[in-house]
Protein backbone atom coordinates (compact mmCIF):
# COMPACT_ATOMS: atom_id res chain seq x y z
CA MET A 1 0.10 0.04 -0.08
CA ARG A 2 1.29 3.48 -1.05
CA PRO A 3 1.84 5.89 1.91
CA SER A 4 -0.13 9.14 1.90
CA ARG A 5 1.99 12.48 1.07
CA ASN A 6 2.52 13.37 4.66
CA ASP A 7 3.33 9.94 6.21
CA PRO A 8 6.89 9.09 6.87
CA CYS A 9 8.61 7.87 3.64
CA PRO A 10 8.97 4.03 3.76
CA CYS A 11 12.70 3.95 2.75
CA GLY A 12 13.38 5.01 6.38
CA SER A 13 14.99 8.22 5.84
CA GLY A 14 12.88 9.93 8.29
CA LYS A 15 11.38 12.52 5.67
CA LYS A 16 7.88 12.85 4.75
CA TYR A 17 7.06 10.60 1.74
CA LYS A 18 6.18 13.96 -0.25
CA ARG A 19 9.73 15.28 0.26
CA CYS A 20 11.59 11.96 -0.37
CA HIS A 21 10.17 9.39 -2.89
CA LEU A 22 6.72 10.54 -4.01
CA ALA A 23 8.00 12.31 -7.25
CA ALA A 24 10.06 9.08 -8.20
CA ASP A 25 6.95 6.99 -7.42
CA GLN A 26 4.70 9.24 -9.56
CA ALA A 27 7.33 9.11 -12.46
CA GLU A 28 7.57 5.38 -12.39
CA ALA A 29 3.76 5.10 -12.43
CA SER A 30 3.56 7.42 -15.32
CA ALA A 31 6.12 5.49 -17.28
CA ARG A 32 4.25 2.24 -16.52
CA MET A 33 1.01 3.89 -17.86
CA ALA A 34 2.83 4.97 -21.08
CA GLU A 35 4.02 1.42 -21.70
CA ASP A 36 0.60 0.18 -21.10
CA ARG A 37 -0.71 2.73 -23.80
CA ALA A 38 2.08 1.67 -26.15
CA GLY A 39 1.15 -2.04 -26.04
CA GLU A 40 -1.92 -4.07 -27.03
CA ALA A 41 -5.32 -2.25 -26.14
CA ARG A 42 -6.91 -4.00 -23.23
CA ILE A 43 -10.63 -3.80 -23.60
CA VAL A 44 -12.92 -5.44 -20.94
CA THR A 45 -16.21 -6.56 -22.36
CA SER A 46 -19.45 -8.10 -21.37
CA GLU A 47 -20.17 -11.66 -22.18
CA GLY A 48 -21.31 -12.29 -25.68
CA VAL A 49 -19.38 -9.60 -27.38
CA SER A 50 -18.23 -10.99 -30.81
CA GLU A 51 -14.49 -11.21 -31.85
CA GLU A 52 -15.55 -8.94 -34.84
CA ALA A 53 -17.10 -6.34 -32.53
CA LEU A 54 -14.01 -6.32 -30.43
CA ALA A 55 -11.90 -6.03 -33.40
CA VAL A 56 -13.78 -2.85 -34.33
CA ALA A 57 -13.51 -1.40 -30.97
CA LYS A 58 -9.78 -2.15 -30.78
CA GLU A 59 -9.24 -0.39 -34.21
CA TYR A 60 -11.50 2.66 -33.11
CA PHE A 61 -9.16 3.33 -30.13
CA ALA A 62 -5.99 2.65 -32.00
CA ALA A 63 -7.19 5.22 -34.78
CA ARG A 64 -8.13 7.64 -31.86
CA ASP A 65 -4.87 7.25 -30.21
CA ARG A 66 -2.83 7.74 -33.46
CA GLY A 67 -4.71 10.85 -34.08
CA ASP A 68 -7.06 9.50 -36.56
CA GLY A 69 -10.12 9.38 -34.70
CA PRO A 70 -13.82 10.42 -35.93
CA ALA A 71 -13.22 14.17 -35.67
CA GLN A 72 -10.10 13.97 -37.71
CA GLN A 73 -11.54 11.67 -40.30
CA MET A 74 -14.55 14.12 -40.72
CA MET A 75 -11.85 17.03 -41.03
CA ARG A 76 -10.02 15.05 -43.86
CA TYR A 77 -13.30 14.16 -45.62
CA VAL A 78 -14.71 17.69 -45.70
CA GLU A 79 -11.53 19.19 -47.01
CA PRO A 80 -12.64 19.77 -50.62
CA LEU A 81 -15.73 21.66 -49.10
CA LEU A 82 -13.30 24.14 -47.30
CA GLY A 83 -11.81 26.15 -50.22
CA GLY A 84 -8.67 27.65 -48.61
CA THR A 85 -8.54 29.21 -45.28
CA PRO A 86 -12.06 29.19 -43.99
CA SER A 87 -13.88 31.50 -41.66
CA GLU A 88 -15.42 29.83 -38.75
CA GLU A 89 -18.91 30.08 -40.46
CA ARG A 90 -17.50 28.37 -43.66
CA LEU A 91 -15.96 25.81 -41.49
CA ASN A 92 -19.20 25.05 -39.77
CA ARG A 93 -21.11 25.01 -42.81
CA ALA A 94 -18.45 22.66 -44.66
CA ILE A 95 -18.81 20.27 -41.61
CA GLN A 96 -22.62 20.27 -41.70
CA MET A 97 -22.55 19.57 -45.53
CA GLY A 98 -20.03 16.92 -45.14
CA MET A 99 -22.14 15.13 -42.45
CA THR A 100 -24.95 15.25 -44.80
CA PHE A 101 -22.85 13.73 -47.63
CA TRP A 102 -21.34 11.14 -45.07
CA ASN A 103 -24.83 10.03 -44.18
CA LEU A 104 -25.93 9.80 -47.76
CA SER A 105 -22.75 7.77 -48.36
CA LEU A 106 -23.91 5.06 -46.02
CA LEU A 107 -27.23 4.55 -47.58
CA PRO A 108 -27.90 1.84 -50.00
CA THR A 109 -27.97 3.14 -53.57
CA ASP A 110 -31.85 3.34 -54.03
CA ALA A 111 -32.27 5.09 -50.57
CA ARG A 112 -29.67 7.47 -51.33
CA GLU A 113 -31.29 8.67 -54.41
CA GLU A 114 -34.57 9.12 -52.67
CA ALA A 115 -32.81 10.94 -49.76
CA THR A 116 -30.95 13.23 -52.25
CA GLN A 117 -34.29 14.13 -53.83
CA LYS A 118 -35.79 14.98 -50.50
CA ILE A 119 -32.85 17.21 -49.54
CA GLU A 120 -33.07 19.05 -53.05
CA ALA A 121 -36.83 19.60 -52.56
CA GLU A 122 -36.49 20.93 -49.00
CA SER A 123 -33.53 23.04 -49.83
CA GLY A 124 -35.18 25.76 -51.65
CA LEU A 125 -32.50 25.78 -54.38
CA ASP A 126 -33.31 26.68 -57.88
CA ALA A 127 -32.62 24.17 -60.72
CA GLU A 128 -28.90 25.48 -61.07
CA GLY A 129 -28.34 25.13 -57.33
CA ARG A 130 -29.91 21.56 -57.16
CA ALA A 131 -27.64 20.67 -60.04
CA ALA A 132 -24.56 22.04 -58.32
CA PHE A 133 -25.68 20.13 -55.08
CA ARG A 134 -26.14 17.03 -56.92
CA GLN A 135 -22.54 17.18 -58.35
CA ILE A 136 -20.99 17.94 -55.07
CA ALA A 137 -22.97 15.06 -53.60
CA GLU A 138 -21.65 12.83 -56.14
CA MET A 139 -18.03 13.83 -55.70
CA MET A 140 -18.22 13.53 -51.89
CA ILE A 141 -20.01 10.15 -52.06
CA ALA A 142 -17.08 8.83 -54.37
CA ARG A 143 -14.55 10.44 -51.92
CA HIS A 144 -16.13 8.57 -48.94
CA GLU A 145 -16.08 5.19 -50.81
CA ALA A 146 -12.43 5.74 -51.74
CA MET A 147 -11.60 7.01 -48.13
CA PHE A 148 -13.46 4.51 -46.26
CA PRO A 149 -13.99 1.43 -48.25
CA GLU A 150 -14.55 -0.82 -45.20
CA LEU A 151 -17.87 1.07 -44.55
CA HIS A 152 -19.06 0.14 -48.16
CA GLU A 153 -18.63 -3.60 -48.11
CA ARG A 154 -21.98 -4.85 -48.54
């Protein structure tokens, strides 16, 4: 059991633990935690979790730990919509549009067409705007399929 900060140090020096070995023990604990993070991810699951689901979870956490989690993936995905150095408003709009295209990308082809038509109808865009939307949607769906092929294996 580890002593509290103000207890005598267990090394027998007569000093308080906080003035003797606390810093060294904390550094050692930090080093152990870093070793744990560098090794295989340890995930505790409930009974009945499939190996496939466990593999997906491990990949999710590994991607997040290497800086490629969902937020980073979304930012890479919406890059073509940003157009240079975006203002905060343009960035938010690009992310909203990107999320729309991301969700369209995940739909089966027939449902995708129906959803695209519904978005066009509700957007209030004129014919030229709808044509531009459809062109961008097709480009972003193709981008999604190229960037995340594992999500399109049906």
